[in-house]
Amino acid sequence: MVFSIRRWTSRIFFIIVFSVLLLAVTGGYRWLADAISPIHPYREPKGAALKVFVTDPDSPDSKNAADRLRWFYWYGE
């Protein structure tokens, strides 16, 4: 079996260039996604602002199908 050094060096060079370009593209994508993304909605409020959470009432425990269907259509759960 004959091993060509020129062929193997070109393959290794291709793998190295491919890896460097892959890292550059993924890093650029990550930077772009961070630059475009909106402000984090769950961060601590600043100043006199208050963060208010509204909890949905508990689902009805009744076995009545109409009540459960009404609950599903009203709250989407």
PDB file of N, CA and C in Angstrom:
ATOM      1  N   MET A   1       0.839  -1.166   0.000  1.00  0.00           N
ATOM      2  CA  MET A   1       0.000   0.000   0.000  1.00  0.00           C
ATOM      3  C   MET A   1       0.891   1.239   0.000  1.00  0.00           C
ATOM      4  N   VAL A   2       0.559   2.178  -0.860  1.00  0.00           N
ATOM      5  CA  VAL A   2       1.367   3.375  -1.008  1.00  0.00           C
ATOM      6  C   VAL A   2       0.651   4.544  -0.329  1.00  0.00           C
ATOM      7  N   PHE A   3       1.379   5.250   0.531  1.00  0.00           N
ATOM      8  CA  PHE A   3       0.834   6.432   1.194  1.00  0.00           C
ATOM      9  C   PHE A   3       1.466   7.667   0.574  1.00  0.00           C
ATOM     10  N   SER A   4       0.633   8.530   0.077  1.00  0.00           N
ATOM     11  CA  SER A   4       1.123   9.764  -0.509  1.00  0.00           C
ATOM     12  C   SER A   4       1.136  10.858   0.558  1.00  0.00           C
ATOM     13  N   ILE A   5       2.330  11.378   0.806  1.00  0.00           N
ATOM     14  CA  ILE A   5       2.450  12.427   1.826  1.00  0.00           C
ATOM     15  C   ILE A   5       1.740  13.688   1.370  1.00  0.00           C
ATOM     16  N   ARG A   6       1.800  14.009   0.098  1.00  0.00           N
ATOM     17  CA  ARG A   6       1.137  15.204  -0.417  1.00  0.00           C
ATOM     18  C   ARG A   6      -0.374  15.110  -0.221  1.00  0.00           C
ATOM     19  N   ARG A   7      -0.955  13.947  -0.478  1.00  0.00           N
ATOM     20  CA  ARG A   7      -2.396  13.768  -0.301  1.00  0.00           C
ATOM     21  C   ARG A   7      -2.783  13.905   1.170  1.00  0.00           C
ATOM     22  N   TRP A   8      -2.009  13.287   2.071  1.00  0.00           N
ATOM     23  CA  TRP A   8      -2.321  13.355   3.485  1.00  0.00           C
ATOM     24  C   TRP A   8      -2.142  14.766   4.036  1.00  0.00           C
ATOM     25  N   THR A   9      -1.120  15.487   3.591  1.00  0.00           N
ATOM     26  CA  THR A   9      -0.954  16.867   4.065  1.00  0.00           C
ATOM     27  C   THR A   9      -2.079  17.753   3.557  1.00  0.00           C
ATOM     28  N   SER A  10      -2.551  17.517   2.343  1.00  0.00           N
ATOM     29  CA  SER A  10      -3.674  18.319   1.846  1.00  0.00           C
ATOM     30  C   SER A  10      -4.948  17.998   2.619  1.00  0.00           C
ATOM     31  N   ARG A  11      -5.138  16.756   3.005  1.00  0.00           N
ATOM     32  CA  ARG A  11      -6.305  16.388   3.807  1.00  0.00           C
ATOM     33  C   ARG A  11      -6.238  17.017   5.187  1.00  0.00           C
ATOM     34  N   ILE A  12      -5.075  16.962   5.814  1.00  0.00           N
ATOM     35  CA  ILE A  12      -4.907  17.558   7.138  1.00  0.00           C
ATOM     36  C   ILE A  12      -5.096  19.064   7.066  1.00  0.00           C
ATOM     37  N   PHE A  13      -4.545  19.700   6.019  1.00  0.00           N
ATOM     38  CA  PHE A  13      -4.722  21.135   5.834  1.00  0.00           C
ATOM     39  C   PHE A  13      -6.203  21.479   5.665  1.00  0.00           C
ATOM     40  N   PHE A  14      -6.931  20.672   4.883  1.00  0.00           N
ATOM     41  CA  PHE A  14      -8.359  20.891   4.699  1.00  0.00           C
ATOM     42  C   PHE A  14      -9.113  20.793   6.023  1.00  0.00           C
ATOM     43  N   ILE A  15      -8.781  19.794   6.830  1.00  0.00           N
ATOM     44  CA  ILE A  15      -9.455  19.608   8.123  1.00  0.00           C
ATOM     45  C   ILE A  15      -9.166  20.793   9.047  1.00  0.00           C
ATOM     46  N   ILE A  16      -7.942  21.271   9.049  1.00  0.00           N
ATOM     47  CA  ILE A  16      -7.589  22.405   9.902  1.00  0.00           C
ATOM     48  C   ILE A  16      -8.319  23.664   9.452  1.00  0.00           C
ATOM     49  N   VAL A  17      -8.322  23.944   8.141  1.00  0.00           N
ATOM     50  CA  VAL A  17      -9.007  25.131   7.632  1.00  0.00           C
ATOM     51  C   VAL A  17     -10.511  25.025   7.879  1.00  0.00           C
ATOM     52  N   PHE A  18     -11.072  23.846   7.672  1.00  0.00           N
ATOM     53  CA  PHE A  18     -12.492  23.640   7.914  1.00  0.00           C
ATOM     54  C   PHE A  18     -12.834  23.884   9.379  1.00  0.00           C
ATOM     55  N   SER A  19     -12.007  23.384  10.290  1.00  0.00           N
ATOM     56  CA  SER A  19     -12.261  23.564  11.721  1.00  0.00           C
ATOM     57  C   SER A  19     -12.173  25.029  12.114  1.00  0.00           C
ATOM     58  N   VAL A  20     -11.182  25.752  11.602  1.00  0.00           N
ATOM     59  CA  VAL A  20     -11.040  27.169  11.939  1.00  0.00           C
ATOM     60  C   VAL A  20     -12.228  27.964  11.409  1.00  0.00           C
ATOM     61  N   LEU A  21     -12.633  27.706  10.177  1.00  0.00           N
ATOM     62  CA  LEU A  21     -13.786  28.413   9.618  1.00  0.00           C
ATOM     63  C   LEU A  21     -15.072  28.056  10.352  1.00  0.00           C
ATOM     64  N   LEU A  22     -15.226  26.814  10.761  1.00  0.00           N
ATOM     65  CA  LEU A  22     -16.397  26.397  11.522  1.00  0.00           C
ATOM     66  C   LEU A  22     -16.467  27.137  12.859  1.00  0.00           C
ATOM     67  N   LEU A  23     -15.341  27.241  13.545  1.00  0.00           N
ATOM     68  CA  LEU A  23     -15.316  27.970  14.814  1.00  0.00           C
ATOM     69  C   LEU A  23     -15.599  29.454  14.599  1.00  0.00           C
ATOM     70  N   ALA A  24     -15.090  30.031  13.510  1.00  0.00           N
ATOM     71  CA  ALA A  24     -15.345  31.448  13.229  1.00  0.00           C
ATOM     72  C   ALA A  24     -16.821  31.692  12.936  1.00  0.00           C
ATOM     73  N   VAL A  25     -17.437  30.812  12.173  1.00  0.00           N
ATOM     74  CA  VAL A  25     -18.851  30.986  11.826  1.00  0.00           C
ATOM     75  C   VAL A  25     -19.733  30.799  13.053  1.00  0.00           C
ATOM     76  N   THR A  26     -19.463  29.781  13.868  1.00  0.00           N
ATOM     77  CA  THR A  26     -20.295  29.572  15.057  1.00  0.00           C
ATOM     78  C   THR A  26     -20.108  30.703  16.062  1.00  0.00           C
ATOM     79  N   GLY A  27     -18.892  31.212  16.206  1.00  0.00           N
ATOM     80  CA  GLY A  27     -18.669  32.350  17.092  1.00  0.00           C
ATOM     81  C   GLY A  27     -19.370  33.593  16.586  1.00  0.00           C
ATOM     82  N   GLY A  28     -19.348  33.809  15.270  1.00  0.00           N
ATOM     83  CA  GLY A  28     -20.052  34.948  14.689  1.00  0.00           C
ATOM     84  C   GLY A  28     -21.550  34.833  14.860  1.00  0.00           C
ATOM     85  N   TYR A  29     -22.065  33.638  14.694  1.00  0.00           N
ATOM     86  CA  TYR A  29     -23.504  33.426  14.891  1.00  0.00           C
ATOM     87  C   TYR A  29     -23.893  33.684  16.336  1.00  0.00           C
ATOM     88  N   ARG A  30     -23.083  33.199  17.268  1.00  0.00           N
ATOM     89  CA  ARG A  30     -23.367  33.408  18.690  1.00  0.00           C
ATOM     90  C   ARG A  30     -23.325  34.893  19.037  1.00  0.00           C
ATOM     91  N   TRP A  31     -22.337  35.624  18.494  1.00  0.00           N
ATOM     92  CA  TRP A  31     -22.241  37.059  18.734  1.00  0.00           C
ATOM     93  C   TRP A  31     -23.443  37.784  18.147  1.00  0.00           C
ATOM     94  N   LEU A  32     -23.845  37.411  16.928  1.00  0.00           N
ATOM     95  CA  LEU A  32     -24.988  38.051  16.286  1.00  0.00           C
ATOM     96  C   LEU A  32     -26.276  37.776  17.048  1.00  0.00           C
ATOM     97  N   ALA A  33     -26.451  36.560  17.524  1.00  0.00           N
ATOM     98  CA  ALA A  33     -27.650  36.225  18.292  1.00  0.00           C
ATOM     99  C   ALA A  33     -27.697  37.011  19.597  1.00  0.00           C
ATOM    100  N   ASP A  34     -26.555  37.206  20.251  1.00  0.00           N
ATOM    101  CA  ASP A  34     -26.525  38.001  21.482  1.00  0.00           C
ATOM    102  C   ASP A  34     -26.778  39.470  21.199  1.00  0.00           C
ATOM    103  N   ALA A  35     -26.307  39.960  20.054  1.00  0.00           N
ATOM    104  CA  ALA A  35     -26.482  41.377  19.721  1.00  0.00           C
ATOM    105  C   ALA A  35     -27.930  41.691  19.350  1.00  0.00           C
ATOM    106  N   ILE A  36     -28.615  40.754  18.723  1.00  0.00           N
ATOM    107  CA  ILE A  36     -29.980  40.986  18.249  1.00  0.00           C
ATOM    108  C   ILE A  36     -31.022  40.666  19.311  1.00  0.00           C
ATOM    109  N   SER A  37     -30.717  39.738  20.200  1.00  0.00           N
ATOM    110  CA  SER A  37     -31.717  39.266  21.158  1.00  0.00           C
ATOM    111  C   SER A  37     -32.201  40.401  22.051  1.00  0.00           C
ATOM    112  N   PRO A  38     -33.483  40.347  22.421  1.00  0.00           N
ATOM    113  CA  PRO A  38     -34.028  41.387  23.306  1.00  0.00           C
ATOM    114  C   PRO A  38     -33.473  41.236  24.719  1.00  0.00           C
ATOM    115  N   ILE A  39     -33.763  42.225  25.524  1.00  0.00           N
ATOM    116  CA  ILE A  39     -33.325  42.190  26.922  1.00  0.00           C
ATOM    117  C   ILE A  39     -33.999  41.018  27.619  1.00  0.00           C
ATOM    118  N   HIS A  40     -33.276  40.384  28.495  1.00  0.00           N
ATOM    119  CA  HIS A  40     -33.792  39.204  29.188  1.00  0.00           C
ATOM    120  C   HIS A  40     -35.056  39.570  29.968  1.00  0.00           C
ATOM    121  N   PRO A  41     -36.193  38.896  29.717  1.00  0.00           N
ATOM    122  CA  PRO A  41     -37.452  39.285  30.359  1.00  0.00           C
ATOM    123  C   PRO A  41     -37.530  38.927  31.845  1.00  0.00           C
ATOM    124  N   TYR A  42     -36.661  38.035  32.316  1.00  0.00           N
ATOM    125  CA  TYR A  42     -36.754  37.589  33.706  1.00  0.00           C
ATOM    126  C   TYR A  42     -35.670  38.198  34.589  1.00  0.00           C
ATOM    127  N   ARG A  43     -35.045  39.269  34.146  1.00  0.00           N
ATOM    128  CA  ARG A  43     -34.012  39.895  34.955  1.00  0.00           C
ATOM    129  C   ARG A  43     -34.652  40.698  36.089  1.00  0.00           C
ATOM    130  N   GLU A  44     -33.846  41.058  37.059  1.00  0.00           N
ATOM    131  CA  GLU A  44     -34.331  41.857  38.191  1.00  0.00           C
ATOM    132  C   GLU A  44     -34.713  43.255  37.702  1.00  0.00           C
ATOM    133  N   PRO A  45     -35.862  43.767  38.109  1.00  0.00           N
ATOM    134  CA  PRO A  45     -36.230  45.127  37.709  1.00  0.00           C
ATOM    135  C   PRO A  45     -35.346  46.161  38.399  1.00  0.00           C
ATOM    136  N   LYS A  46     -35.152  47.292  37.712  1.00  0.00           N
ATOM    137  CA  LYS A  46     -34.311  48.360  38.256  1.00  0.00           C
ATOM    138  C   LYS A  46     -35.186  49.506  38.744  1.00  0.00           C
ATOM    139  N   GLY A  47     -34.700  50.259  39.705  1.00  0.00           N
ATOM    140  CA  GLY A  47     -35.409  51.426  40.205  1.00  0.00           C
ATOM    141  C   GLY A  47     -36.610  51.034  41.047  1.00  0.00           C
ATOM    142  N   ALA A  48     -37.714  51.759  40.850  1.00  0.00           N
ATOM    143  CA  ALA A  48     -38.921  51.524  41.630  1.00  0.00           C
ATOM    144  C   ALA A  48     -39.865  50.539  40.949  1.00  0.00           C
ATOM    145  N   ALA A  49     -39.398  49.873  39.897  1.00  0.00           N
ATOM    146  CA  ALA A  49     -40.247  48.947  39.163  1.00  0.00           C
ATOM    147  C   ALA A  49     -40.485  47.677  39.980  1.00  0.00           C
ATOM    148  N   LEU A  50     -41.634  47.097  39.791  1.00  0.00           N
ATOM    149  CA  LEU A  50     -41.985  45.845  40.442  1.00  0.00           C
ATOM    150  C   LEU A  50     -42.308  44.810  39.386  1.00  0.00           C
ATOM    151  N   LYS A  51     -41.905  43.602  39.619  1.00  0.00           N
ATOM    152  CA  LYS A  51     -42.232  42.506  38.720  1.00  0.00           C
ATOM    153  C   LYS A  51     -43.425  41.781  39.318  1.00  0.00           C
ATOM    154  N   VAL A  52     -44.511  41.678  38.564  1.00  0.00           N
ATOM    155  CA  VAL A  52     -45.748  41.095  39.061  1.00  0.00           C
ATOM    156  C   VAL A  52     -46.026  39.807  38.297  1.00  0.00           C
ATOM    157  N   PHE A  53     -46.338  38.764  39.031  1.00  0.00           N
ATOM    158  CA  PHE A  53     -46.692  37.493  38.430  1.00  0.00           C
ATOM    159  C   PHE A  53     -48.156  37.213  38.708  1.00  0.00           C
ATOM    160  N   VAL A  54     -48.878  36.780  37.689  1.00  0.00           N
ATOM    161  CA  VAL A  54     -50.265  36.400  37.849  1.00  0.00           C
ATOM    162  C   VAL A  54     -50.326  34.889  37.710  1.00  0.00           C
ATOM    163  N   THR A  55     -50.844  34.244  38.725  1.00  0.00           N
ATOM    164  CA  THR A  55     -50.973  32.790  38.657  1.00  0.00           C
ATOM    165  C   THR A  55     -52.391  32.441  38.263  1.00  0.00           C
ATOM    166  N   ASP A  56     -52.519  31.453  37.443  1.00  0.00           N
ATOM    167  CA  ASP A  56     -53.834  30.976  37.039  1.00  0.00           C
ATOM    168  C   ASP A  56     -54.446  30.190  38.191  1.00  0.00           C
ATOM    169  N   PRO A  57     -55.749  30.267  38.327  1.00  0.00           N
ATOM    170  CA  PRO A  57     -56.386  29.482  39.385  1.00  0.00           C
ATOM    171  C   PRO A  57     -56.234  27.987  39.096  1.00  0.00           C
ATOM    172  N   ASP A  58     -56.355  27.199  40.145  1.00  0.00           N
ATOM    173  CA  ASP A  58     -56.228  25.755  39.992  1.00  0.00           C
ATOM    174  C   ASP A  58     -57.346  25.199  39.126  1.00  0.00           C
ATOM    175  N   SER A  59     -57.024  24.114  38.455  1.00  0.00           N
ATOM    176  CA  SER A  59     -58.032  23.487  37.603  1.00  0.00           C
ATOM    177  C   SER A  59     -59.121  22.872  38.468  1.00  0.00           C
ATOM    178  N   PRO A  60     -60.325  22.778  37.936  1.00  0.00           N
ATOM    179  CA  PRO A  60     -61.416  22.205  38.731  1.00  0.00           C
ATOM    180  C   PRO A  60     -61.181  20.715  38.968  1.00  0.00           C
ATOM    181  N   ASP A  61     -61.483  20.302  40.175  1.00  0.00           N
ATOM    182  CA  ASP A  61     -61.290  18.898  40.529  1.00  0.00           C
ATOM    183  C   ASP A  61     -62.521  18.054  40.227  1.00  0.00           C
ATOM    184  N   SER A  62     -63.548  18.691  39.699  1.00  0.00           N
ATOM    185  CA  SER A  62     -64.769  17.939  39.439  1.00  0.00           C
ATOM    186  C   SER A  62     -64.554  16.997  38.251  1.00  0.00           C
ATOM    187  N   LYS A  63     -65.302  15.951  38.244  1.00  0.00           N
ATOM    188  CA  LYS A  63     -65.213  14.960  37.165  1.00  0.00           C
ATOM    189  C   LYS A  63     -66.173  15.293  36.024  1.00  0.00           C
ATOM    190  N   ASN A  64     -66.844  16.448  36.107  1.00  0.00           N
ATOM    191  CA  ASN A  64     -67.785  16.848  35.081  1.00  0.00           C
ATOM    192  C   ASN A  64     -67.006  17.222  33.816  1.00  0.00           C
ATOM    193  N   ALA A  65     -67.333  16.582  32.715  1.00  0.00           N
ATOM    194  CA  ALA A  65     -66.611  16.810  31.468  1.00  0.00           C
ATOM    195  C   ALA A  65     -66.840  18.223  30.934  1.00  0.00           C
ATOM    196  N   ALA A  66     -67.998  18.768  31.143  1.00  0.00           N
ATOM    197  CA  ALA A  66     -68.288  20.117  30.660  1.00  0.00           C
ATOM    198  C   ALA A  66     -67.423  21.145  31.378  1.00  0.00           C
ATOM    199  N   ASP A  67     -67.251  20.989  32.698  1.00  0.00           N
ATOM    200  CA  ASP A  67     -66.401  21.913  33.440  1.00  0.00           C
ATOM    201  C   ASP A  67     -64.951  21.827  32.981  1.00  0.00           C
ATOM    202  N   ARG A  68     -64.481  20.629  32.767  1.00  0.00           N
ATOM    203  CA  ARG A  68     -63.102  20.466  32.328  1.00  0.00           C
ATOM    204  C   ARG A  68     -62.905  21.003  30.910  1.00  0.00           C
ATOM    205  N   LEU A  69     -63.869  20.819  30.029  1.00  0.00           N
ATOM    206  CA  LEU A  69     -63.784  21.345  28.675  1.00  0.00           C
ATOM    207  C   LEU A  69     -63.843  22.869  28.687  1.00  0.00           C
ATOM    208  N   ARG A  70     -64.688  23.436  29.507  1.00  0.00           N
ATOM    209  CA  ARG A  70     -64.767  24.892  29.643  1.00  0.00           C
ATOM    210  C   ARG A  70     -63.445  25.437  30.167  1.00  0.00           C
ATOM    211  N   TRP A  71     -62.853  24.758  31.132  1.00  0.00           N
ATOM    212  CA  TRP A  71     -61.555  25.155  31.668  1.00  0.00           C
ATOM    213  C   TRP A  71     -60.484  25.112  30.577  1.00  0.00           C
ATOM    214  N   PHE A  72     -60.514  24.070  29.776  1.00  0.00           N
ATOM    215  CA  PHE A  72     -59.530  23.922  28.705  1.00  0.00           C
ATOM    216  C   PHE A  72     -59.655  25.068  27.700  1.00  0.00           C
ATOM    217  N   TYR A  73     -60.851  25.389  27.285  1.00  0.00           N
ATOM    218  CA  TYR A  73     -61.029  26.460  26.295  1.00  0.00           C
ATOM    219  C   TYR A  73     -60.743  27.837  26.895  1.00  0.00           C
ATOM    220  N   TRP A  74     -61.019  28.013  28.184  1.00  0.00           N
ATOM    221  CA  TRP A  74     -60.807  29.323  28.786  1.00  0.00           C
ATOM    222  C   TRP A  74     -59.320  29.602  29.036  1.00  0.00           C
ATOM    223  N   TYR A  75     -58.593  28.616  29.586  1.00  0.00           N
ATOM    224  CA  TYR A  75     -57.200  28.838  29.961  1.00  0.00           C
ATOM    225  C   TYR A  75     -56.215  28.183  28.989  1.00  0.00           C
ATOM    226  N   GLY A  76     -56.671  27.334  28.114  1.00  0.00           N
ATOM    227  CA  GLY A  76     -55.783  26.701  27.157  1.00  0.00           C
ATOM    228  C   GLY A  76     -54.845  25.676  27.754  1.00  0.00           C
ATOM    229  N   GLU A  77     -55.221  25.077  28.862  1.00  0.00           N
ATOM    230  CA  GLU A  77     -54.367  24.080  29.488  1.00  0.00           C
ATOM    231  C   GLU A  77     -55.002  22.720  29.427  1.00  0.00           C
TER     232      GLU A  77
END
